[in-house]
Every structure is written in structure tokens, then in C-alpha cells.
Amino acid sequence: MEARLTETIRSTQTELEARLIEKMRDMQTELLRGFAAFSEGQTIRLRKVEADQSNLDAALSGRVNVLERRLLEIELRLGLVGGK
């Protein structure tokens, strides 16, 4: 009788361990899925920020070019360019 009780306890313990391991793996999977979803959103936001920065750089370069062209026109009118 004692042997049967010991065997029953061991069997139950083994089953509980297996169920616990399975639940832990399920939790791990859910966490990884959550992190993956969060990561995708962050990647999209980062790409948008990079695109916005690139657009801002292009716009600033364009504005600087316009200012340089205007300054050159003023210098030409005043005779400050070309060694005059």
C-alpha cells in the first residue's frame, strides 16, 4: 500500500511538472509575441522619424541654396565678386 501511494505521488508530481513546463512555455510564447508586436510598431515609428529627418535635411539644403544664390546676386550687383 505504501508503495502504491509513493508511486501515485511520483506520478502526480511528474504530471504536474509536465503541465507546469507546458504553461511556462505558453507564457514564454505569449511574451515573445507581445515583444514582436511592440517591436514592429517601434520600427515603423523609427522609420518615420528617419524619413522626416531626411526630408528636413533636404528642405534645409534647398533653403541654404536659395540664400546662397540670393547672396551671390546681391554681391554681383554691388560688384563685390570677380575682383572688381
PDB file of N, CA and C in Angstrom:
ATOM      1  N   MET A   1       0.824  -1.192   0.000  1.00  0.00           N
ATOM      2  CA  MET A   1       0.000   0.000   0.000  1.00  0.00           C
ATOM      3  C   MET A   1       0.871   1.261   0.000  1.00  0.00           C
ATOM      4  N   GLU A   2       1.899   1.230   0.801  1.00  0.00           N
ATOM      5  CA  GLU A   2       2.797   2.376   0.847  1.00  0.00           C
ATOM      6  C   GLU A   2       3.493   2.570  -0.505  1.00  0.00           C
ATOM      7  N   ALA A   3       3.846   1.503  -1.153  1.00  0.00           N
ATOM      8  CA  ALA A   3       4.498   1.578  -2.467  1.00  0.00           C
ATOM      9  C   ALA A   3       3.546   2.192  -3.500  1.00  0.00           C
ATOM     10  N   ARG A   4       2.261   1.794  -3.434  1.00  0.00           N
ATOM     11  CA  ARG A   4       1.287   2.368  -4.369  1.00  0.00           C
ATOM     12  C   ARG A   4       1.108   3.856  -4.121  1.00  0.00           C
ATOM     13  N   LEU A   5       1.058   4.242  -2.870  1.00  0.00           N
ATOM     14  CA  LEU A   5       0.913   5.652  -2.521  1.00  0.00           C
ATOM     15  C   LEU A   5       2.126   6.454  -3.013  1.00  0.00           C
ATOM     16  N   THR A   6       3.298   5.924  -2.802  1.00  0.00           N
ATOM     17  CA  THR A   6       4.526   6.588  -3.266  1.00  0.00           C
ATOM     18  C   THR A   6       4.515   6.709  -4.780  1.00  0.00           C
ATOM     19  N   GLU A   7       4.116   5.647  -5.463  1.00  0.00           N
ATOM     20  CA  GLU A   7       4.058   5.665  -6.927  1.00  0.00           C
ATOM     21  C   GLU A   7       3.016   6.670  -7.418  1.00  0.00           C
ATOM     22  N   THR A   8       1.891   6.754  -6.753  1.00  0.00           N
ATOM     23  CA  THR A   8       0.848   7.715  -7.117  1.00  0.00           C
ATOM     24  C   THR A   8       1.354   9.145  -6.939  1.00  0.00           C
ATOM     25  N   ILE A   9       2.044   9.383  -5.849  1.00  0.00           N
ATOM     26  CA  ILE A   9       2.593  10.721  -5.596  1.00  0.00           C
ATOM     27  C   ILE A   9       3.624  11.079  -6.673  1.00  0.00           C
ATOM     28  N   ARG A  10       4.506  10.152  -6.999  1.00  0.00           N
ATOM     29  CA  ARG A  10       5.515  10.394  -8.037  1.00  0.00           C
ATOM     30  C   ARG A  10       4.857  10.659  -9.392  1.00  0.00           C
ATOM     31  N   SER A  11       3.852   9.878  -9.704  1.00  0.00           N
ATOM     32  CA  SER A  11       3.144  10.039 -10.970  1.00  0.00           C
ATOM     33  C   SER A  11       2.469  11.405 -11.042  1.00  0.00           C
ATOM     34  N   THR A  12       1.820  11.773  -9.961  1.00  0.00           N
ATOM     35  CA  THR A  12       1.152  13.072  -9.902  1.00  0.00           C
ATOM     36  C   THR A  12       2.167  14.205 -10.015  1.00  0.00           C
ATOM     37  N   GLN A  13       3.287  14.048  -9.333  1.00  0.00           N
ATOM     38  CA  GLN A  13       4.331  15.065  -9.388  1.00  0.00           C
ATOM     39  C   GLN A  13       4.882  15.204 -10.811  1.00  0.00           C
ATOM     40  N   THR A  14       5.092  14.094 -11.492  1.00  0.00           N
ATOM     41  CA  THR A  14       5.580  14.116 -12.873  1.00  0.00           C
ATOM     42  C   THR A  14       4.577  14.802 -13.793  1.00  0.00           C
ATOM     43  N   GLU A  15       3.301  14.492 -13.620  1.00  0.00           N
ATOM     44  CA  GLU A  15       2.258  15.130 -14.426  1.00  0.00           C
ATOM     45  C   GLU A  15       2.210  16.630 -14.163  1.00  0.00           C
ATOM     46  N   LEU A  16       2.331  17.020 -12.896  1.00  0.00           N
ATOM     47  CA  LEU A  16       2.316  18.442 -12.552  1.00  0.00           C
ATOM     48  C   LEU A  16       3.518  19.171 -13.151  1.00  0.00           C
ATOM     49  N   GLU A  17       4.664  18.531 -13.107  1.00  0.00           N
ATOM     50  CA  GLU A  17       5.855  19.132 -13.701  1.00  0.00           C
ATOM     51  C   GLU A  17       5.666  19.340 -15.208  1.00  0.00           C
ATOM     52  N   ALA A  18       5.118  18.341 -15.873  1.00  0.00           N
ATOM     53  CA  ALA A  18       4.892  18.432 -17.314  1.00  0.00           C
ATOM     54  C   ALA A  18       3.907  19.555 -17.620  1.00  0.00           C
ATOM     55  N   ARG A  19       2.835  19.654 -16.856  1.00  0.00           N
ATOM     56  CA  ARG A  19       1.855  20.720 -17.075  1.00  0.00           C
ATOM     57  C   ARG A  19       2.455  22.096 -16.789  1.00  0.00           C
ATOM     58  N   LEU A  20       3.268  22.167 -15.743  1.00  0.00           N
ATOM     59  CA  LEU A  20       3.910  23.427 -15.391  1.00  0.00           C
ATOM     60  C   LEU A  20       4.871  23.864 -16.501  1.00  0.00           C
ATOM     61  N   ILE A  21       5.652  22.936 -17.012  1.00  0.00           N
ATOM     62  CA  ILE A  21       6.580  23.253 -18.106  1.00  0.00           C
ATOM     63  C   ILE A  21       5.813  23.732 -19.327  1.00  0.00           C
ATOM     64  N   GLU A  22       4.725  23.070 -19.643  1.00  0.00           N
ATOM     65  CA  GLU A  22       3.907  23.470 -20.789  1.00  0.00           C
ATOM     66  C   GLU A  22       3.349  24.878 -20.604  1.00  0.00           C
ATOM     67  N   LYS A  23       2.853  25.187 -19.416  1.00  0.00           N
ATOM     68  CA  LYS A  23       2.311  26.526 -19.144  1.00  0.00           C
ATOM     69  C   LYS A  23       3.415  27.578 -19.218  1.00  0.00           C
ATOM     70  N   MET A  24       4.600  27.243 -18.723  1.00  0.00           N
ATOM     71  CA  MET A  24       5.710  28.190 -18.783  1.00  0.00           C
ATOM     72  C   MET A  24       6.095  28.470 -20.237  1.00  0.00           C
ATOM     73  N   ARG A  25       6.092  27.457 -21.058  1.00  0.00           N
ATOM     74  CA  ARG A  25       6.398  27.649 -22.478  1.00  0.00           C
ATOM     75  C   ARG A  25       5.316  28.482 -23.158  1.00  0.00           C
ATOM     76  N   ASP A  26       4.068  28.256 -22.783  1.00  0.00           N
ATOM     77  CA  ASP A  26       2.973  29.065 -23.335  1.00  0.00           C
ATOM     78  C   ASP A  26       3.151  30.537 -22.952  1.00  0.00           C
ATOM     79  N   MET A  27       3.528  30.798 -21.699  1.00  0.00           N
ATOM     80  CA  MET A  27       3.744  32.166 -21.244  1.00  0.00           C
ATOM     81  C   MET A  27       4.913  32.796 -21.998  1.00  0.00           C
ATOM     82  N   GLN A  28       5.955  32.010 -22.192  1.00  0.00           N
ATOM     83  CA  GLN A  28       7.120  32.500 -22.919  1.00  0.00           C
ATOM     84  C   GLN A  28       6.737  32.880 -24.353  1.00  0.00           C
ATOM     85  N   THR A  29       5.935  32.046 -24.979  1.00  0.00           N
ATOM     86  CA  THR A  29       5.482  32.311 -26.341  1.00  0.00           C
ATOM     87  C   THR A  29       4.657  33.593 -26.393  1.00  0.00           C
ATOM     88  N   GLU A  30       3.756  33.770 -25.448  1.00  0.00           N
ATOM     89  CA  GLU A  30       2.929  34.978 -25.413  1.00  0.00           C
ATOM     90  C   GLU A  30       3.781  36.235 -25.223  1.00  0.00           C
ATOM     91  N   LEU A  31       4.772  36.139 -24.348  1.00  0.00           N
ATOM     92  CA  LEU A  31       5.665  37.282 -24.147  1.00  0.00           C
ATOM     93  C   LEU A  31       6.426  37.620 -25.429  1.00  0.00           C
ATOM     94  N   LEU A  32       6.944  36.604 -26.092  1.00  0.00           N
ATOM     95  CA  LEU A  32       7.677  36.841 -27.333  1.00  0.00           C
ATOM     96  C   LEU A  32       6.784  37.448 -28.405  1.00  0.00           C
ATOM     97  N   ARG A  33       5.552  36.993 -28.479  1.00  0.00           N
ATOM     98  CA  ARG A  33       4.611  37.575 -29.447  1.00  0.00           C
ATOM     99  C   ARG A  33       4.343  39.038 -29.124  1.00  0.00           C
ATOM    100  N   GLY A  34       4.179  39.324 -27.851  1.00  0.00           N
ATOM    101  CA  GLY A  34       3.948  40.711 -27.428  1.00  0.00           C
ATOM    102  C   GLY A  34       5.128  41.607 -27.753  1.00  0.00           C
ATOM    103  N   PHE A  35       6.331  41.122 -27.472  1.00  0.00           N
ATOM    104  CA  PHE A  35       7.523  41.905 -27.788  1.00  0.00           C
ATOM    105  C   PHE A  35       7.666  42.106 -29.296  1.00  0.00           C
ATOM    106  N   ALA A  36       7.338  41.091 -30.069  1.00  0.00           N
ATOM    107  CA  ALA A  36       7.434  41.202 -31.529  1.00  0.00           C
ATOM    108  C   ALA A  36       6.466  42.262 -32.044  1.00  0.00           C
ATOM    109  N   ALA A  37       5.248  42.269 -31.527  1.00  0.00           N
ATOM    110  CA  ALA A  37       4.252  43.263 -31.949  1.00  0.00           C
ATOM    111  C   ALA A  37       4.716  44.667 -31.561  1.00  0.00           C
ATOM    112  N   PHE A  38       5.235  44.811 -30.362  1.00  0.00           N
ATOM    113  CA  PHE A  38       5.740  46.108 -29.907  1.00  0.00           C
ATOM    114  C   PHE A  38       6.914  46.553 -30.777  1.00  0.00           C
ATOM    115  N   SER A  39       7.786  45.628 -31.073  1.00  0.00           N
ATOM    116  CA  SER A  39       8.966  45.929 -31.892  1.00  0.00           C
ATOM    117  C   SER A  39       8.572  46.402 -33.286  1.00  0.00           C
ATOM    118  N   GLU A  40       7.570  45.789 -33.872  1.00  0.00           N
ATOM    119  CA  GLU A  40       7.113  46.200 -35.206  1.00  0.00           C
ATOM    120  C   GLU A  40       6.625  47.643 -35.186  1.00  0.00           C
ATOM    121  N   GLY A  41       5.866  47.991 -34.173  1.00  0.00           N
ATOM    122  CA  GLY A  41       5.378  49.370 -34.042  1.00  0.00           C
ATOM    123  C   GLY A  41       6.515  50.356 -33.864  1.00  0.00           C
ATOM    124  N   GLN A  42       7.490  50.006 -33.055  1.00  0.00           N
ATOM    125  CA  GLN A  42       8.635  50.882 -32.836  1.00  0.00           C
ATOM    126  C   GLN A  42       9.460  51.039 -34.110  1.00  0.00           C
ATOM    127  N   THR A  43       9.595  49.968 -34.871  1.00  0.00           N
ATOM    128  CA  THR A  43      10.344  50.024 -36.124  1.00  0.00           C
ATOM    129  C   THR A  43       9.669  50.977 -37.100  1.00  0.00           C
ATOM    130  N   ILE A  44       8.352  50.908 -37.181  1.00  0.00           N
ATOM    131  CA  ILE A  44       7.607  51.818 -38.064  1.00  0.00           C
ATOM    132  C   ILE A  44       7.801  53.267 -37.623  1.00  0.00           C
ATOM    133  N   ARG A  45       7.716  53.507 -36.317  1.00  0.00           N
ATOM    134  CA  ARG A  45       7.915  54.873 -35.813  1.00  0.00           C
ATOM    135  C   ARG A  45       9.330  55.370 -36.119  1.00  0.00           C
ATOM    136  N   LEU A  46      10.306  54.510 -35.935  1.00  0.00           N
ATOM    137  CA  LEU A  46      11.688  54.891 -36.196  1.00  0.00           C
ATOM    138  C   LEU A  46      11.892  55.212 -37.672  1.00  0.00           C
ATOM    139  N   ARG A  47      11.316  54.417 -38.548  1.00  0.00           N
ATOM    140  CA  ARG A  47      11.428  54.695 -39.982  1.00  0.00           C
ATOM    141  C   ARG A  47      10.795  56.033 -40.335  1.00  0.00           C
ATOM    142  N   LYS A  48       9.671  56.359 -39.704  1.00  0.00           N
ATOM    143  CA  LYS A  48       9.016  57.643 -39.956  1.00  0.00           C
ATOM    144  C   LYS A  48       9.903  58.789 -39.492  1.00  0.00           C
ATOM    145  N   VAL A  49      10.500  58.645 -38.319  1.00  0.00           N
ATOM    146  CA  VAL A  49      11.387  59.694 -37.809  1.00  0.00           C
ATOM    147  C   VAL A  49      12.579  59.866 -38.754  1.00  0.00           C
ATOM    148  N   GLU A  50      13.136  58.767 -39.218  1.00  0.00           N
ATOM    149  CA  GLU A  50      14.259  58.848 -40.145  1.00  0.00           C
ATOM    150  C   GLU A  50      13.847  59.527 -41.452  1.00  0.00           C
ATOM    151  N   ALA A  51      12.673  59.200 -41.952  1.00  0.00           N
ATOM    152  CA  ALA A  51      12.189  59.833 -43.181  1.00  0.00           C
ATOM    153  C   ALA A  51      11.950  61.322 -42.961  1.00  0.00           C
ATOM    154  N   ASP A  52      11.358  61.670 -41.823  1.00  0.00           N
ATOM    155  CA  ASP A  52      11.118  63.083 -41.512  1.00  0.00           C
ATOM    156  C   ASP A  52      12.440  63.842 -41.427  1.00  0.00           C
ATOM    157  N   GLN A  53      13.431  63.226 -40.798  1.00  0.00           N
ATOM    158  CA  GLN A  53      14.748  63.867 -40.673  1.00  0.00           C
ATOM    159  C   GLN A  53      15.376  64.066 -42.044  1.00  0.00           C
ATOM    160  N   SER A  54      15.251  63.061 -42.887  1.00  0.00           N
ATOM    161  CA  SER A  54      15.800  63.151 -44.240  1.00  0.00           C
ATOM    162  C   SER A  54      15.112  64.277 -45.017  1.00  0.00           C
ATOM    163  N   ASN A  55      13.786  64.361 -44.894  1.00  0.00           N
ATOM    164  CA  ASN A  55      13.033  65.430 -45.565  1.00  0.00           C
ATOM    165  C   ASN A  55      13.440  66.798 -45.041  1.00  0.00           C
ATOM    166  N   LEU A  56      13.655  66.882 -43.731  1.00  0.00           N
ATOM    167  CA  LEU A  56      14.073  68.149 -43.130  1.00  0.00           C
ATOM    168  C   LEU A  56      15.453  68.545 -43.640  1.00  0.00           C
ATOM    169  N   ASP A  57      16.372  67.578 -43.726  1.00  0.00           N
ATOM    170  CA  ASP A  57      17.708  67.860 -44.249  1.00  0.00           C
ATOM    171  C   ASP A  57      17.631  68.361 -45.689  1.00  0.00           C
ATOM    172  N   ALA A  58      16.802  67.729 -46.503  1.00  0.00           N
ATOM    173  CA  ALA A  58      16.652  68.142 -47.900  1.00  0.00           C
ATOM    174  C   ALA A  58      16.059  69.546 -47.983  1.00  0.00           C
ATOM    175  N   ALA A  59      15.069  69.831 -47.158  1.00  0.00           N
ATOM    176  CA  ALA A  59      14.443  71.152 -47.165  1.00  0.00           C
ATOM    177  C   ALA A  59      15.440  72.219 -46.731  1.00  0.00           C
ATOM    178  N   LEU A  60      16.227  71.920 -45.696  1.00  0.00           N
ATOM    179  CA  LEU A  60      17.221  72.899 -45.238  1.00  0.00           C
ATOM    180  C   LEU A  60      18.290  73.132 -46.298  1.00  0.00           C
ATOM    181  N   SER A  61      18.714  72.084 -46.959  1.00  0.00           N
ATOM    182  CA  SER A  61      19.704  72.237 -48.033  1.00  0.00           C
ATOM    183  C   SER A  61      19.148  73.115 -49.143  1.00  0.00           C
ATOM    184  N   GLY A  62      17.893  72.918 -49.491  1.00  0.00           N
ATOM    185  CA  GLY A  62      17.256  73.744 -50.516  1.00  0.00           C
ATOM    186  C   GLY A  62      17.197  75.200 -50.110  1.00  0.00           C
ATOM    187  N   ARG A  63      16.860  75.448 -48.867  1.00  0.00           N
ATOM    188  CA  ARG A  63      16.770  76.832 -48.385  1.00  0.00           C
ATOM    189  C   ARG A  63      18.139  77.500 -48.356  1.00  0.00           C
ATOM    190  N   VAL A  64      19.147  76.755 -47.942  1.00  0.00           N
ATOM    191  CA  VAL A  64      20.504  77.305 -47.931  1.00  0.00           C
ATOM    192  C   VAL A  64      20.941  77.633 -49.353  1.00  0.00           C
ATOM    193  N   ASN A  65      20.623  76.758 -50.295  1.00  0.00           N
ATOM    194  CA  ASN A  65      20.974  77.029 -51.700  1.00  0.00           C
ATOM    195  C   ASN A  65      20.310  78.300 -52.204  1.00  0.00           C
ATOM    196  N   VAL A  66      19.045  78.493 -51.864  1.00  0.00           N
ATOM    197  CA  VAL A  66      18.335  79.715 -52.270  1.00  0.00           C
ATOM    198  C   VAL A  66      19.009  80.943 -51.665  1.00  0.00           C
ATOM    199  N   LEU A  67      19.343  80.880 -50.394  1.00  0.00           N
ATOM    200  CA  LEU A  67      20.001  82.012 -49.734  1.00  0.00           C
ATOM    201  C   LEU A  67      21.368  82.305 -50.351  1.00  0.00           C
ATOM    202  N   GLU A  68      22.127  81.259 -50.658  1.00  0.00           N
ATOM    203  CA  GLU A  68      23.436  81.457 -51.278  1.00  0.00           C
ATOM    204  C   GLU A  68      23.293  82.096 -52.661  1.00  0.00           C
ATOM    205  N   ARG A  69      22.304  81.660 -53.420  1.00  0.00           N
ATOM    206  CA  ARG A  69      22.065  82.225 -54.745  1.00  0.00           C
ATOM    207  C   ARG A  69      21.685  83.703 -54.630  1.00  0.00           C
ATOM    208  N   ARG A  70      20.827  84.045 -53.689  1.00  0.00           N
ATOM    209  CA  ARG A  70      20.418  85.443 -53.494  1.00  0.00           C
ATOM    210  C   ARG A  70      21.600  86.306 -53.060  1.00  0.00           C
ATOM    211  N   LEU A  71      22.423  85.743 -52.166  1.00  0.00           N
ATOM    212  CA  LEU A  71      23.597  86.489 -51.708  1.00  0.00           C
ATOM    213  C   LEU A  71      24.557  86.733 -52.873  1.00  0.00           C
ATOM    214  N   LEU A  72      24.737  85.722 -53.714  1.00  0.00           N
ATOM    215  CA  LEU A  72      25.601  85.890 -54.889  1.00  0.00           C
ATOM    216  C   LEU A  72      25.051  86.970 -55.819  1.00  0.00           C
ATOM    217  N   GLU A  73      23.754  87.006 -56.035  1.00  0.00           N
ATOM    218  CA  GLU A  73      23.141  88.039 -56.881  1.00  0.00           C
ATOM    219  C   GLU A  73      23.384  89.430 -56.299  1.00  0.00           C
ATOM    220  N   ILE A  74      23.248  89.557 -54.995  1.00  0.00           N
ATOM    221  CA  ILE A  74      23.494  90.855 -54.336  1.00  0.00           C
ATOM    222  C   ILE A  74      24.957  91.250 -54.491  1.00  0.00           C
ATOM    223  N   GLU A  75      25.850  90.293 -54.281  1.00  0.00           N
ATOM    224  CA  GLU A  75      27.276  90.585 -54.405  1.00  0.00           C
ATOM    225  C   GLU A  75      27.624  90.982 -55.841  1.00  0.00           C
ATOM    226  N   LEU A  76      27.007  90.321 -56.819  1.00  0.00           N
ATOM    227  CA  LEU A  76      27.248  90.666 -58.220  1.00  0.00           C
ATOM    228  C   LEU A  76      26.753  92.072 -58.521  1.00  0.00           C
ATOM    229  N   ARG A  77      25.592  92.442 -58.019  1.00  0.00           N
ATOM    230  CA  ARG A  77      25.032  93.784 -58.246  1.00  0.00           C
ATOM    231  C   ARG A  77      25.915  94.861 -57.613  1.00  0.00           C
ATOM    232  N   LEU A  78      26.469  94.540 -56.451  1.00  0.00           N
ATOM    233  CA  LEU A  78      27.301  95.525 -55.749  1.00  0.00           C
ATOM    234  C   LEU A  78      28.747  95.507 -56.239  1.00  0.00           C
ATOM    235  N   GLY A  79      29.065  94.563 -57.113  1.00  0.00           N
ATOM    236  CA  GLY A  79      30.428  94.483 -57.648  1.00  0.00           C
ATOM    237  C   GLY A  79      31.422  93.916 -56.664  1.00  0.00           C
ATOM    238  N   LEU A  80      30.958  93.109 -55.732  1.00  0.00           N
ATOM    239  CA  LEU A  80      31.861  92.550 -54.721  1.00  0.00           C
ATOM    240  C   LEU A  80      32.468  91.215 -55.151  1.00  0.00           C
ATOM    241  N   VAL A  81      32.055  90.704 -56.289  1.00  0.00           N
ATOM    242  CA  VAL A  81      32.537  89.399 -56.748  1.00  0.00           C
ATOM    243  C   VAL A  81      33.309  89.602 -58.045  1.00  0.00           C
ATOM    244  N   GLY A  82      34.354  88.842 -58.241  1.00  0.00           N
ATOM    245  CA  GLY A  82      35.094  88.869 -59.506  1.00  0.00           C
ATOM    246  C   GLY A  82      36.259  89.823 -59.498  1.00  0.00           C
ATOM    247  N   GLY A  83      36.685  90.311 -58.358  1.00  0.00           N
ATOM    248  CA  GLY A  83      37.874  91.127 -58.267  1.00  0.00           C
ATOM    249  C   GLY A  83      37.702  92.539 -58.763  1.00  0.00           C
ATOM    250  N   LYS A  84      36.484  93.057 -58.847  1.00  0.00           N
ATOM    251  CA  LYS A  84      36.227  94.420 -59.321  1.00  0.00           C
ATOM    252  C   LYS A  84      36.442  95.445 -58.254  1.00  0.00           C
TER     253      LYS A  84
END
